[in-house]
Protein backbone atom coordinates (compact mmCIF):
# COMPACT_ATOMS: atom_id res chain seq x y z
CA MET A 1 87.97 94.18 103.29
CA SER A 2 85.67 91.40 102.02
CA ARG A 3 84.68 88.83 104.59
CA GLY A 4 86.52 85.59 104.11
CA GLY A 5 88.17 87.07 101.06
CA GLU A 6 85.66 85.50 98.64
CA MET A 7 82.16 86.85 99.15
CA VAL A 8 81.12 90.25 97.86
CA TYR A 9 78.97 91.98 100.48
CA ILE A 10 77.61 95.39 101.34
CA PRO A 11 79.33 96.83 104.44
CA ASP A 12 77.16 97.00 107.55
CA ASP A 13 77.30 99.10 110.73
CA SER A 14 80.11 96.98 112.19
CA ASP A 15 82.27 97.60 109.09
CA PHE A 16 81.73 101.34 109.31
CA SER A 17 82.47 101.26 113.05
CA SER A 18 85.70 99.36 112.41
CA PHE A 19 86.68 101.84 109.70
CA ARG A 20 86.04 104.80 112.01
CA ASP A 21 88.16 103.14 114.72
CA GLN A 22 91.04 102.69 112.29
CA CYS A 23 90.86 106.35 111.30
CA GLU A 24 90.80 107.66 114.87
CA SER A 25 93.21 105.22 116.50
CA LEU A 26 96.95 105.88 116.76
CA GLU A 27 97.89 102.41 117.96
CA GLY A 28 100.09 100.60 115.45
CA TRP A 29 100.39 103.66 113.19
CA HIS A 30 103.71 105.41 112.45
CA CYS A 31 103.69 109.15 111.74
CA ARG A 32 105.51 109.86 108.44
CA TYR A 33 104.57 113.50 107.82
CA ASN A 34 103.14 116.34 109.91
CA LYS A 35 103.11 119.80 108.44
CA ALA A 36 100.68 122.67 107.72
CA GLY A 37 97.65 120.89 109.19
CA VAL A 38 98.23 117.62 107.32
CA THR A 39 99.38 114.40 109.02
CA VAL A 40 100.28 111.11 107.31
CA TRP A 41 100.63 107.77 109.09
CA SER A 42 101.50 104.32 107.78
CA GLN A 43 100.89 100.85 109.16
CA GLY A 44 103.41 98.16 108.32
CA GLN A 45 107.06 98.36 107.27
CA GLU A 46 108.03 100.64 104.39
CA GLU A 47 110.47 98.04 103.03
CA SER A 48 107.81 95.34 103.25
CA CYS A 49 106.84 93.08 100.35
CA THR A 50 103.20 94.06 100.93
CA VAL A 51 101.50 97.41 100.43
CA GLN A 52 101.05 99.44 103.59
CA LYS A 53 97.90 101.05 104.87
CA ILE A 54 98.27 104.81 104.59
CA LYS A 55 96.17 107.20 106.68
CA THR A 56 96.00 110.97 106.20
CA ARG A 57 94.28 113.66 108.24
CA ILE A 58 93.65 117.30 107.35
CA SER A 59 91.84 120.12 109.16
CA CYS A 60 89.47 121.94 106.80
CA LYS A 61 88.56 125.41 108.03
CA ASP A 62 85.54 127.06 106.42
CA VAL A 63 84.33 123.77 104.90
CA PRO A 64 81.35 122.11 106.63
CA ALA A 65 81.38 118.32 106.85
CA GLU A 66 78.29 117.98 104.64
CA THR A 67 79.97 120.06 101.90
CA LEU A 68 83.04 117.83 101.81
CA TYR A 69 80.76 114.80 101.75
CA ASP A 70 79.05 116.22 98.65
CA VAL A 71 82.43 116.93 97.01
CA LEU A 72 83.56 113.33 97.44
CA HIS A 73 80.30 112.00 95.99
CA ASP A 74 79.82 114.40 93.09
CA THR A 75 81.38 112.77 90.02
CA ARG A 76 80.51 115.78 87.85
CA TYR A 77 82.52 118.08 90.10
CA ARG A 78 85.46 115.69 90.33
CA LYS A 79 86.55 116.69 86.82
CA LYS A 80 87.12 120.20 88.18
CA TRP A 81 89.60 119.29 90.92
CA ASP A 82 91.07 115.85 90.25
CA SER A 83 93.66 116.59 87.55
CA ASN A 84 94.86 112.98 87.52
CA MET A 85 91.46 111.52 86.74
CA ILE A 86 90.90 110.20 83.23
CA GLU A 87 87.33 109.01 83.67
CA THR A 88 84.86 108.18 86.43
CA TYR A 89 81.27 107.01 86.34
CA ASP A 90 78.72 105.05 88.35
CA ILE A 91 77.92 101.60 86.93
CA GLY A 92 74.85 100.71 88.97
CA ARG A 93 73.23 100.79 92.38
CA LEU A 94 73.02 98.00 94.92
CA THR A 95 71.02 99.71 97.69
CA VAL A 96 70.13 103.27 98.71
CA ASN A 97 73.65 103.68 100.13
CA ALA A 98 75.81 101.38 97.98
CA ASP A 99 76.81 101.31 94.33
CA VAL A 100 79.43 100.03 91.90
CA GLY A 101 81.64 102.48 90.04
CA TYR A 102 84.62 102.91 87.71
CA TYR A 103 87.61 105.23 88.08
CA SER A 104 90.78 105.60 85.98
CA TRP A 105 93.78 107.86 86.51
CA LYS A 106 96.94 109.02 84.80
CA CYS A 107 100.29 107.72 85.99
CA PRO A 108 103.68 109.33 85.28
CA SER A 109 105.79 107.86 82.50
CA PRO A 110 106.93 105.09 82.12
CA LEU A 111 104.00 103.70 84.13
CA LYS A 112 100.81 102.59 82.41
CA ASN A 113 97.63 104.29 83.55
CA ARG A 114 95.55 102.54 86.22
CA ASP A 115 91.87 101.86 86.78
CA PHE A 116 89.50 100.39 89.40
CA VAL A 117 86.05 98.88 89.62
CA THR A 118 84.85 99.24 93.21
CA LEU A 119 81.89 98.61 95.45
CA ARG A 120 81.29 101.83 97.37
CA SER A 121 79.09 102.33 100.41
CA TRP A 122 78.36 105.41 102.48
CA LEU A 123 76.87 106.29 105.86
CA PRO A 124 75.94 109.68 107.37
CA LEU A 125 76.07 109.53 111.18
CA GLY A 126 74.75 112.74 112.66
CA ASN A 127 77.30 115.40 111.75
CA ASP A 128 79.88 112.82 110.61
CA TYR A 129 80.05 110.98 107.30
CA MET A 130 81.85 107.90 105.97
CA ILE A 131 82.46 106.57 102.45
CA ILE A 132 84.28 103.25 101.97
CA ASN A 133 85.10 101.02 99.01
CA TYR A 134 86.88 97.87 97.89
CA SER A 135 87.59 96.34 94.48
CA VAL A 136 85.16 93.98 92.79
CA LYS A 137 84.86 92.28 89.41
CA HIS A 138 81.90 93.08 87.17
CA PRO A 139 81.43 90.91 84.05
CA LYS A 140 80.73 93.91 81.82
CA TYR A 141 83.80 95.84 82.99
CA PRO A 142 86.80 93.49 82.70
CA PRO A 143 90.43 94.73 82.76
CA ARG A 144 91.28 96.80 79.68
CA LYS A 145 94.39 96.45 77.53
CA ASP A 146 95.21 100.16 77.82
CA PHE A 147 95.12 100.18 81.66
CA VAL A 148 96.56 98.22 84.55
CA ARG A 149 93.68 97.12 86.79
CA ALA A 150 94.63 98.17 90.33
CA VAL A 151 93.07 96.74 93.49
CA SER A 152 91.60 98.67 96.41
CA LEU A 153 91.86 96.34 99.40
CA GLN A 154 90.24 99.04 101.50
CA THR A 155 89.85 102.76 100.85
CA GLY A 156 87.65 105.32 102.52
CA TYR A 157 86.96 108.72 104.01
CA LEU A 158 85.78 109.79 107.44
CA ILE A 159 84.54 113.39 107.62
CA LYS A 160 84.04 114.73 111.15
CA ALA A 161 82.32 118.01 111.91
CA ASN A 162 84.70 120.24 113.85
CA GLY A 163 82.96 123.26 115.27
CA ASP A 164 80.97 125.77 113.28
CA GLY A 165 81.47 125.42 109.52
CA ALA A 166 84.66 123.33 109.72
CA CYS A 167 85.58 119.67 109.56
CA ILE A 168 88.37 117.13 109.82
CA LEU A 169 88.92 114.74 106.92
CA TYR A 170 90.56 111.33 107.28
CA TYR A 171 91.56 109.32 104.22
CA LEU A 172 92.61 105.71 104.77
CA THR A 173 93.77 103.51 101.91
CA GLN A 174 95.43 100.21 101.13
CA VAL A 175 95.76 99.87 97.36
CA ASP A 176 97.81 97.44 95.30
CA PRO A 177 98.65 99.26 92.04
CA ARG A 178 99.76 95.98 90.43
CA GLY A 179 102.40 96.03 87.71
CA SER A 180 105.91 95.04 88.75
CA LEU A 181 106.61 98.00 91.02
CA PRO A 182 108.57 97.09 94.13
CA LYS A 183 106.18 97.43 97.07
CA TRP A 184 108.68 99.60 98.97
CA VAL A 185 108.55 102.14 96.13
CA VAL A 186 104.75 102.15 96.30
CA ASN A 187 104.86 102.56 100.08
CA ARG A 188 107.34 105.43 100.05
CA VAL A 189 105.69 107.32 97.23
CA SER A 190 102.23 106.97 98.79
CA GLN A 191 103.44 108.84 101.85
CA PHE A 192 104.41 112.02 100.05
CA VAL A 193 101.64 111.90 97.45
CA ALA A 194 98.97 111.85 100.18
CA PRO A 195 99.42 115.44 101.52
CA LYS A 196 99.03 116.92 98.02
CA ALA A 197 95.88 114.90 97.46
CA MET A 198 94.33 116.05 100.75
CA LYS A 199 95.06 119.71 100.02
CA LYS A 200 93.34 119.32 96.64
CA ILE A 201 90.19 117.98 98.30
CA TYR A 202 90.24 120.83 100.84
CA LYS A 203 90.50 123.45 98.06
CA ALA A 204 87.74 121.66 96.16
CA GLY A 205 85.55 121.93 99.26
CA LEU A 206 86.06 125.69 99.46
CA LYS A 207 84.97 126.17 95.82
CA TYR A 208 82.14 123.62 95.69
CA PRO A 209 79.18 125.68 97.03
CA GLU A 210 79.60 128.31 94.30
CA TRP A 211 80.07 125.65 91.59
CA LYS A 212 77.06 123.63 92.77
CA ARG A 213 74.85 126.71 92.85
CA ARG A 214 75.34 126.92 89.08
CA HIS A 215 75.19 123.19 88.32
CA ASP A 216 71.92 121.43 89.19
CA PRO A 217 71.96 122.54 92.86
CA GLU A 218 69.09 120.28 93.94
CA TYR A 219 70.60 117.13 92.41
CA LYS A 220 72.25 115.01 95.13
CA PRO A 221 71.31 111.34 94.69
CA TRP A 222 73.70 110.37 97.48
CA VAL A 223 71.47 112.38 99.85
CA TYR A 224 68.13 111.90 98.06
CA PRO A 225 67.95 108.26 96.85
CA GLU A 226 64.76 108.94 94.87
CA GLN A 227 66.94 110.94 92.42
CA ASN A 228 69.07 107.89 91.65
CA THR A 229 68.33 106.62 88.12
CA LEU A 230 71.18 104.08 87.91
CA PRO A 231 70.29 100.53 86.84
CA SER A 232 70.16 98.01 89.66
CA VAL A 233 73.10 95.65 90.10
CA SER A 234 72.78 92.32 91.86
CA LEU A 235 75.46 91.16 94.30
CA ALA A 236 75.36 87.84 92.45
CA GLU A 237 76.82 89.58 89.38
CA LEU A 238 79.91 90.63 91.31
CA SER A 239 82.95 88.81 92.66
CA VAL A 240 85.92 89.95 94.73
CA GLN A 241 88.85 91.29 92.69
CA HIS A 242 91.96 89.51 93.96
CA ALA A 243 95.30 91.12 93.14
CA ASP A 244 97.00 87.83 92.38
CA SER A 245 94.49 87.03 89.62
CA LEU A 246 95.56 90.05 87.57
CA GLU A 247 98.35 90.10 85.01
CA ASN A 248 101.62 91.60 86.21
CA ILE A 249 102.70 94.30 83.76
CA ASP A 250 106.45 94.81 83.39
CA GLU A 251 107.35 98.33 84.44
CA THR A 252 110.96 97.74 85.41
CA GLY A 253 112.01 100.93 83.66
CA LEU A 254 110.43 102.86 86.50
CA SER A 255 112.53 104.85 88.93
CA GLU A 256 111.42 106.27 92.25
CA GLU A 257 112.01 109.77 90.84
CA HIS A 258 109.42 109.17 88.12
CA LEU A 259 106.83 108.19 90.66
CA SER A 260 107.54 111.03 93.04
CA THR A 261 106.32 113.55 90.48
CA SER A 262 102.83 112.10 90.64
CA ASP A 263 100.16 113.66 92.82
CA HIS A 264 97.58 110.95 92.30
CA GLU A 265 94.60 110.76 94.58
CA ALA A 266 92.75 107.56 94.35
């Protein structure tokens, strides 16, 4: 997602517009799953030696767009619904609508657990909302020996208001999990992991208003920047995380069956 592949930058309006277009366009996308209000598309060949882009769409009745936007921002609430998460926290802020954060998640045996450091940016547009990220390197958060550092080439959400008190959620991702997994295994597994992940977010949206009412209801630094107490991070401290610069961990003992039991949501 980074321009020229080398410079770390904060996405601007044209990047968000391009992301929205990718979410809403069907051209070049192949439908892989369509059931119970959830659709999954992929772009690129499943048997390819590169990781595909995966796009998922779910209709969320009884969940307003702004509620789902809060759910996806609220790291405290994430512990309640993301059973694969090990740890997540914000590292520092870049601007009023961009920060750097850390996320780690459990992988099924015999895989090693994965983690990310990403630059995240968000944009409310009327009744619609977008959150996008890509992987960066931060000198104080290098790869850890107990995790495989994965790479988000581009990941994001588009939340579109859909009538009174409902919304449509798009999730688009292209992630290289590193290790020595064959890319076709990653591509295939991603397609049937995605629907589970989207249903989790939908259920989390239904339960969030009650949870938030009891947990610091006025605290929303993603909506009210003056509440943000994170230390400032300079773009100069960051560099783009390239997949080919990371160590390849041998996971040849992995079978597709092992992976298919995972319901990871990145």
